[in-house]
Amino acid sequence: MKVEDSELDQKQNAYKAAVEAWIAGIKEEEALASGDHSVAEIDRWEEADFREEALRKKVKATKKEYEDALRLKFFDF
């Protein structure tokens, strides 16, 4: 089963969007690390860390899907 270029474009765009969301998550976490030293601020920082980790996992998954599609197209496996 060959992979169409439009499918590759979709997977590439999904990967790029996931990376951009991850970057935003990292910046959010960084901004919260620069805040005051209250318990509430630490809680928000930890929550941002959990969101960042979930976004990282999404990037890894979309990258794998894109790489798998490229392998299928160019190497037929």
PDB file of N, CA and C in Angstrom:
ATOM      1  N   MET A   1       0.844  -1.177   0.000  1.00  0.00           N
ATOM      2  CA  MET A   1       0.000   0.000   0.000  1.00  0.00           C
ATOM      3  C   MET A   1       0.887   1.237   0.000  1.00  0.00           C
ATOM      4  N   LYS A   2       0.816   2.022  -1.027  1.00  0.00           N
ATOM      5  CA  LYS A   2       1.617   3.234  -1.143  1.00  0.00           C
ATOM      6  C   LYS A   2       0.956   4.388  -0.390  1.00  0.00           C
ATOM      7  N   VAL A   3       1.780   5.291   0.049  1.00  0.00           N
ATOM      8  CA  VAL A   3       1.296   6.472   0.761  1.00  0.00           C
ATOM      9  C   VAL A   3       1.260   7.638  -0.226  1.00  0.00           C
ATOM     10  N   GLU A   4       0.148   8.321  -0.272  1.00  0.00           N
ATOM     11  CA  GLU A   4      -0.015   9.475  -1.151  1.00  0.00           C
ATOM     12  C   GLU A   4       0.657  10.698  -0.530  1.00  0.00           C
ATOM     13  N   ASP A   5       1.100  11.609  -1.407  1.00  0.00           N
ATOM     14  CA  ASP A   5       1.732  12.831  -0.914  1.00  0.00           C
ATOM     15  C   ASP A   5       0.792  13.649  -0.037  1.00  0.00           C
ATOM     16  N   SER A   6      -0.494  13.643  -0.340  1.00  0.00           N
ATOM     17  CA  SER A   6      -1.442  14.409   0.485  1.00  0.00           C
ATOM     18  C   SER A   6      -1.502  13.849   1.905  1.00  0.00           C
ATOM     19  N   GLU A   7      -1.379  12.532   2.028  1.00  0.00           N
ATOM     20  CA  GLU A   7      -1.348  11.923   3.361  1.00  0.00           C
ATOM     21  C   GLU A   7      -0.065  12.309   4.094  1.00  0.00           C
ATOM     22  N   LEU A   8       1.050  12.316   3.365  1.00  0.00           N
ATOM     23  CA  LEU A   8       2.316  12.747   3.971  1.00  0.00           C
ATOM     24  C   LEU A   8       2.227  14.204   4.408  1.00  0.00           C
ATOM     25  N   ASP A   9       1.614  15.046   3.570  1.00  0.00           N
ATOM     26  CA  ASP A   9       1.445  16.461   3.927  1.00  0.00           C
ATOM     27  C   ASP A   9       0.643  16.602   5.214  1.00  0.00           C
ATOM     28  N   GLN A  10      -0.423  15.825   5.336  1.00  0.00           N
ATOM     29  CA  GLN A  10      -1.256  15.885   6.542  1.00  0.00           C
ATOM     30  C   GLN A  10      -0.458  15.458   7.771  1.00  0.00           C
ATOM     31  N   LYS A  11       0.308  14.383   7.642  1.00  0.00           N
ATOM     32  CA  LYS A  11       1.089  13.895   8.779  1.00  0.00           C
ATOM     33  C   LYS A  11       2.193  14.897   9.142  1.00  0.00           C
ATOM     34  N   GLN A  12       2.818  15.481   8.128  1.00  0.00           N
ATOM     35  CA  GLN A  12       3.845  16.487   8.383  1.00  0.00           C
ATOM     36  C   GLN A  12       3.240  17.708   9.081  1.00  0.00           C
ATOM     37  N   ASN A  13       2.091  18.152   8.612  1.00  0.00           N
ATOM     38  CA  ASN A  13       1.431  19.312   9.231  1.00  0.00           C
ATOM     39  C   ASN A  13       0.997  19.011  10.657  1.00  0.00           C
ATOM     40  N   ALA A  14       0.517  17.799  10.901  1.00  0.00           N
ATOM     41  CA  ALA A  14       0.140  17.412  12.266  1.00  0.00           C
ATOM     42  C   ALA A  14       1.360  17.426  13.181  1.00  0.00           C
ATOM     43  N   TYR A  15       2.483  16.929  12.672  1.00  0.00           N
ATOM     44  CA  TYR A  15       3.723  16.936  13.454  1.00  0.00           C
ATOM     45  C   TYR A  15       4.160  18.366  13.759  1.00  0.00           C
ATOM     46  N   LYS A  16       4.158  19.212  12.744  1.00  0.00           N
ATOM     47  CA  LYS A  16       4.565  20.609  12.951  1.00  0.00           C
ATOM     48  C   LYS A  16       3.661  21.319  13.960  1.00  0.00           C
ATOM     49  N   ALA A  17       2.353  21.076  13.858  1.00  0.00           N
ATOM     50  CA  ALA A  17       1.411  21.690  14.800  1.00  0.00           C
ATOM     51  C   ALA A  17       1.659  21.184  16.221  1.00  0.00           C
ATOM     52  N   ALA A  18       1.955  19.892  16.341  1.00  0.00           N
ATOM     53  CA  ALA A  18       2.240  19.325  17.661  1.00  0.00           C
ATOM     54  C   ALA A  18       3.504  19.938  18.246  1.00  0.00           C
ATOM     55  N   VAL A  19       4.515  20.142  17.416  1.00  0.00           N
ATOM     56  CA  VAL A  19       5.763  20.766  17.893  1.00  0.00           C
ATOM     57  C   VAL A  19       5.494  22.197  18.364  1.00  0.00           C
ATOM     58  N   GLU A  20       4.714  22.941  17.601  1.00  0.00           N
ATOM     59  CA  GLU A  20       4.392  24.323  17.992  1.00  0.00           C
ATOM     60  C   GLU A  20       3.633  24.356  19.315  1.00  0.00           C
ATOM     61  N   ALA A  21       2.707  23.434  19.497  1.00  0.00           N
ATOM     62  CA  ALA A  21       1.967  23.359  20.767  1.00  0.00           C
ATOM     63  C   ALA A  21       2.906  22.998  21.905  1.00  0.00           C
ATOM     64  N   TRP A  22       3.843  22.107  21.649  1.00  0.00           N
ATOM     65  CA  TRP A  22       4.825  21.711  22.670  1.00  0.00           C
ATOM     66  C   TRP A  22       5.694  22.899  23.057  1.00  0.00           C
ATOM     67  N   ILE A  23       6.142  23.655  22.057  1.00  0.00           N
ATOM     68  CA  ILE A  23       6.955  24.853  22.336  1.00  0.00           C
ATOM     69  C   ILE A  23       6.176  25.815  23.226  1.00  0.00           C
ATOM     70  N   ALA A  24       4.899  26.013  22.920  1.00  0.00           N
ATOM     71  CA  ALA A  24       4.065  26.898  23.746  1.00  0.00           C
ATOM     72  C   ALA A  24       3.962  26.354  25.168  1.00  0.00           C
ATOM     73  N   GLY A  25       3.838  25.030  25.301  1.00  0.00           N
ATOM     74  CA  GLY A  25       3.783  24.414  26.622  1.00  0.00           C
ATOM     75  C   GLY A  25       5.061  24.611  27.410  1.00  0.00           C
ATOM     76  N   ILE A  26       6.193  24.502  26.726  1.00  0.00           N
ATOM     77  CA  ILE A  26       7.488  24.725  27.378  1.00  0.00           C
ATOM     78  C   ILE A  26       7.595  26.172  27.846  1.00  0.00           C
ATOM     79  N   LYS A  27       7.174  27.101  26.987  1.00  0.00           N
ATOM     80  CA  LYS A  27       7.239  28.525  27.351  1.00  0.00           C
ATOM     81  C   LYS A  27       6.309  28.843  28.523  1.00  0.00           C
ATOM     82  N   GLU A  28       5.138  28.192  28.539  1.00  0.00           N
ATOM     83  CA  GLU A  28       4.215  28.392  29.659  1.00  0.00           C
ATOM     84  C   GLU A  28       4.862  27.918  30.959  1.00  0.00           C
ATOM     85  N   GLU A  29       5.459  26.737  30.910  1.00  0.00           N
ATOM     86  CA  GLU A  29       6.110  26.202  32.105  1.00  0.00           C
ATOM     87  C   GLU A  29       7.261  27.114  32.548  1.00  0.00           C
ATOM     88  N   GLU A  30       8.042  27.585  31.591  1.00  0.00           N
ATOM     89  CA  GLU A  30       9.157  28.475  31.911  1.00  0.00           C
ATOM     90  C   GLU A  30       8.665  29.766  32.565  1.00  0.00           C
ATOM     91  N   ALA A  31       7.591  30.329  32.032  1.00  0.00           N
ATOM     92  CA  ALA A  31       7.049  31.575  32.589  1.00  0.00           C
ATOM     93  C   ALA A  31       6.594  31.379  34.032  1.00  0.00           C
ATOM     94  N   LEU A  32       6.002  30.217  34.302  1.00  0.00           N
ATOM     95  CA  LEU A  32       5.547  29.959  35.668  1.00  0.00           C
ATOM     96  C   LEU A  32       6.718  29.717  36.618  1.00  0.00           C
ATOM     97  N   ALA A  33       7.833  29.251  36.100  1.00  0.00           N
ATOM     98  CA  ALA A  33       9.017  29.054  36.944  1.00  0.00           C
ATOM     99  C   ALA A  33       9.610  30.390  37.368  1.00  0.00           C
ATOM    100  N   SER A  34       9.264  31.438  36.662  1.00  0.00           N
ATOM    101  CA  SER A  34       9.807  32.762  36.962  1.00  0.00           C
ATOM    102  C   SER A  34       8.887  33.584  37.856  1.00  0.00           C
ATOM    103  N   GLY A  35       7.818  33.000  38.326  1.00  0.00           N
ATOM    104  CA  GLY A  35       6.839  33.734  39.120  1.00  0.00           C
ATOM    105  C   GLY A  35       7.253  33.883  40.571  1.00  0.00           C
ATOM    106  N   ASP A  36       6.259  34.209  41.374  1.00  0.00           N
ATOM    107  CA  ASP A  36       6.539  34.352  42.802  1.00  0.00           C
ATOM    108  C   ASP A  36       6.766  32.967  43.409  1.00  0.00           C
ATOM    109  N   HIS A  37       7.036  32.948  44.668  1.00  0.00           N
ATOM    110  CA  HIS A  37       7.390  31.704  45.341  1.00  0.00           C
ATOM    111  C   HIS A  37       6.268  31.211  46.255  1.00  0.00           C
ATOM    112  N   SER A  38       5.024  31.341  45.794  1.00  0.00           N
ATOM    113  CA  SER A  38       3.887  30.897  46.608  1.00  0.00           C
ATOM    114  C   SER A  38       3.540  29.444  46.277  1.00  0.00           C
ATOM    115  N   VAL A  39       2.804  28.830  47.176  1.00  0.00           N
ATOM    116  CA  VAL A  39       2.360  27.453  46.967  1.00  0.00           C
ATOM    117  C   VAL A  39       1.452  27.386  45.739  1.00  0.00           C
ATOM    118  N   ALA A  40       0.575  28.356  45.579  1.00  0.00           N
ATOM    119  CA  ALA A  40      -0.331  28.378  44.425  1.00  0.00           C
ATOM    120  C   ALA A  40       0.465  28.451  43.122  1.00  0.00           C
ATOM    121  N   GLU A  41       1.502  29.235  43.105  1.00  0.00           N
ATOM    122  CA  GLU A  41       2.341  29.358  41.906  1.00  0.00           C
ATOM    123  C   GLU A  41       3.076  28.049  41.624  1.00  0.00           C
ATOM    124  N   ILE A  42       3.536  27.402  42.642  1.00  0.00           N
ATOM    125  CA  ILE A  42       4.200  26.100  42.471  1.00  0.00           C
ATOM    126  C   ILE A  42       3.210  25.081  41.908  1.00  0.00           C
ATOM    127  N   ASP A  43       1.970  25.105  42.391  1.00  0.00           N
ATOM    128  CA  ASP A  43       0.939  24.204  41.870  1.00  0.00           C
ATOM    129  C   ASP A  43       0.687  24.454  40.382  1.00  0.00           C
ATOM    130  N   ARG A  44       0.598  25.716  39.986  1.00  0.00           N
ATOM    131  CA  ARG A  44       0.391  26.043  38.565  1.00  0.00           C
ATOM    132  C   ARG A  44       1.588  25.591  37.733  1.00  0.00           C
ATOM    133  N   TRP A  45       2.767  25.740  38.271  1.00  0.00           N
ATOM    134  CA  TRP A  45       3.997  25.319  37.587  1.00  0.00           C
ATOM    135  C   TRP A  45       3.989  23.804  37.380  1.00  0.00           C
ATOM    136  N   GLU A  46       3.622  23.056  38.410  1.00  0.00           N
ATOM    137  CA  GLU A  46       3.552  21.596  38.291  1.00  0.00           C
ATOM    138  C   GLU A  46       2.495  21.173  37.272  1.00  0.00           C
ATOM    139  N   GLU A  47       1.346  21.850  37.270  1.00  0.00           N
ATOM    140  CA  GLU A  47       0.309  21.538  36.281  1.00  0.00           C
ATOM    141  C   GLU A  47       0.820  21.796  34.868  1.00  0.00           C
ATOM    142  N   ALA A  48       1.559  22.874  34.692  1.00  0.00           N
ATOM    143  CA  ALA A  48       2.135  23.186  33.385  1.00  0.00           C
ATOM    144  C   ALA A  48       3.126  22.105  32.969  1.00  0.00           C
ATOM    145  N   ASP A  49       3.840  21.548  33.926  1.00  0.00           N
ATOM    146  CA  ASP A  49       4.779  20.467  33.627  1.00  0.00           C
ATOM    147  C   ASP A  49       4.032  19.241  33.100  1.00  0.00           C
ATOM    148  N   PHE A  50       2.903  18.917  33.706  1.00  0.00           N
ATOM    149  CA  PHE A  50       2.105  17.775  33.240  1.00  0.00           C
ATOM    150  C   PHE A  50       1.591  18.022  31.817  1.00  0.00           C
ATOM    151  N   ARG A  51       1.132  19.256  31.535  1.00  0.00           N
ATOM    152  CA  ARG A  51       0.658  19.586  30.187  1.00  0.00           C
ATOM    153  C   ARG A  51       1.798  19.494  29.183  1.00  0.00           C
ATOM    154  N   GLU A  52       2.964  20.002  29.573  1.00  0.00           N
ATOM    155  CA  GLU A  52       4.135  19.956  28.678  1.00  0.00           C
ATOM    156  C   GLU A  52       4.493  18.520  28.363  1.00  0.00           C
ATOM    157  N   GLU A  53       4.468  17.653  29.338  1.00  0.00           N
ATOM    158  CA  GLU A  53       4.805  16.246  29.135  1.00  0.00           C
ATOM    159  C   GLU A  53       3.807  15.581  28.185  1.00  0.00           C
ATOM    160  N   ALA A  54       2.530  15.881  28.332  1.00  0.00           N
ATOM    161  CA  ALA A  54       1.508  15.326  27.436  1.00  0.00           C
ATOM    162  C   ALA A  54       1.728  15.820  26.000  1.00  0.00           C
ATOM    163  N   LEU A  55       2.089  17.078  25.862  1.00  0.00           N
ATOM    164  CA  LEU A  55       2.368  17.625  24.537  1.00  0.00           C
ATOM    165  C   LEU A  55       3.608  16.976  23.924  1.00  0.00           C
ATOM    166  N   ARG A  56       4.622  16.717  24.732  1.00  0.00           N
ATOM    167  CA  ARG A  56       5.832  16.046  24.245  1.00  0.00           C
ATOM    168  C   ARG A  56       5.493  14.655  23.723  1.00  0.00           C
ATOM    169  N   LYS A  57       4.660  13.947  24.462  1.00  0.00           N
ATOM    170  CA  LYS A  57       4.251  12.611  24.027  1.00  0.00           C
ATOM    171  C   LYS A  57       3.504  12.668  22.705  1.00  0.00           C
ATOM    172  N   LYS A  58       2.672  13.699  22.528  1.00  0.00           N
ATOM    173  CA  LYS A  58       1.946  13.853  21.264  1.00  0.00           C
ATOM    174  C   LYS A  58       2.924  14.105  20.119  1.00  0.00           C
ATOM    175  N   VAL A  59       3.949  14.919  20.362  1.00  0.00           N
ATOM    176  CA  VAL A  59       4.960  15.171  19.332  1.00  0.00           C
ATOM    177  C   VAL A  59       5.636  13.863  18.932  1.00  0.00           C
ATOM    178  N   LYS A  60       6.026  13.083  19.911  1.00  0.00           N
ATOM    179  CA  LYS A  60       6.696  11.809  19.623  1.00  0.00           C
ATOM    180  C   LYS A  60       5.789  10.890  18.805  1.00  0.00           C
ATOM    181  N   ALA A  61       4.508  10.846  19.137  1.00  0.00           N
ATOM    182  CA  ALA A  61       3.568   9.978  18.422  1.00  0.00           C
ATOM    183  C   ALA A  61       3.350  10.459  16.985  1.00  0.00           C
ATOM    184  N   THR A  62       3.173  11.773  16.800  1.00  0.00           N
ATOM    185  CA  THR A  62       2.955  12.275  15.442  1.00  0.00           C
ATOM    186  C   THR A  62       4.219  12.153  14.606  1.00  0.00           C
ATOM    187  N   LYS A  63       5.377  12.295  15.229  1.00  0.00           N
ATOM    188  CA  LYS A  63       6.639  12.105  14.505  1.00  0.00           C
ATOM    189  C   LYS A  63       6.745  10.661  14.022  1.00  0.00           C
ATOM    190  N   LYS A  64       6.401   9.726  14.876  1.00  0.00           N
ATOM    191  CA  LYS A  64       6.468   8.312  14.496  1.00  0.00           C
ATOM    192  C   LYS A  64       5.517   8.020  13.345  1.00  0.00           C
ATOM    193  N   GLU A  65       4.303   8.554  13.395  1.00  0.00           N
ATOM    194  CA  GLU A  65       3.347   8.341  12.307  1.00  0.00           C
ATOM    195  C   GLU A  65       3.901   8.877  10.988  1.00  0.00           C
ATOM    196  N   TYR A  66       4.481  10.055  11.032  1.00  0.00           N
ATOM    197  CA  TYR A  66       5.045  10.673   9.824  1.00  0.00           C
ATOM    198  C   TYR A  66       6.234   9.852   9.312  1.00  0.00           C
ATOM    199  N   GLU A  67       7.130   9.467  10.212  1.00  0.00           N
ATOM    200  CA  GLU A  67       8.283   8.655   9.813  1.00  0.00           C
ATOM    201  C   GLU A  67       7.841   7.313   9.225  1.00  0.00           C
ATOM    202  N   ASP A  68       6.855   6.677   9.837  1.00  0.00           N
ATOM    203  CA  ASP A  68       6.353   5.402   9.328  1.00  0.00           C
ATOM    204  C   ASP A  68       5.779   5.561   7.922  1.00  0.00           C
ATOM    205  N   ALA A  69       5.055   6.644   7.698  1.00  0.00           N
ATOM    206  CA  ALA A  69       4.488   6.894   6.376  1.00  0.00           C
ATOM    207  C   ALA A  69       5.590   7.136   5.339  1.00  0.00           C
ATOM    208  N   LEU A  70       6.646   7.845   5.735  1.00  0.00           N
ATOM    209  CA  LEU A  70       7.778   8.070   4.826  1.00  0.00           C
ATOM    210  C   LEU A  70       8.465   6.749   4.485  1.00  0.00           C
ATOM    211  N   ARG A  71       8.657   5.897   5.473  1.00  0.00           N
ATOM    212  CA  ARG A  71       9.279   4.591   5.224  1.00  0.00           C
ATOM    213  C   ARG A  71       8.438   3.765   4.259  1.00  0.00           C
ATOM    214  N   LEU A  72       7.134   3.818   4.451  1.00  0.00           N
ATOM    215  CA  LEU A  72       6.233   3.071   3.593  1.00  0.00           C
ATOM    216  C   LEU A  72       6.315   3.582   2.148  1.00  0.00           C
ATOM    217  N   LYS A  73       6.333   4.887   1.990  1.00  0.00           N
ATOM    218  CA  LYS A  73       6.387   5.462   0.654  1.00  0.00           C
ATOM    219  C   LYS A  73       7.704   5.152  -0.043  1.00  0.00           C
ATOM    220  N   PHE A  74       8.825   5.366   0.636  1.00  0.00           N
ATOM    221  CA  PHE A  74      10.121   5.261  -0.023  1.00  0.00           C
ATOM    222  C   PHE A  74      10.743   3.866   0.022  1.00  0.00           C
ATOM    223  N   PHE A  75      10.416   3.112   1.036  1.00  0.00           N
ATOM    224  CA  PHE A  75      11.060   1.792   1.204  1.00  0.00           C
ATOM    225  C   PHE A  75      10.065   0.642   1.213  1.00  0.00           C
ATOM    226  N   ASP A  76       8.777   0.951   1.136  1.00  0.00           N
ATOM    227  CA  ASP A  76       7.697  -0.038   1.086  1.00  0.00           C
ATOM    228  C   ASP A  76       7.684  -0.982   2.285  1.00  0.00           C
ATOM    229  N   PHE A  77       8.026  -0.426   3.464  1.00  0.00           N
ATOM    230  CA  PHE A  77       7.884  -1.224   4.698  1.00  0.00           C
ATOM    231  C   PHE A  77       7.508  -0.345   5.858  1.00  0.00           C
TER     232      PHE A  77
END
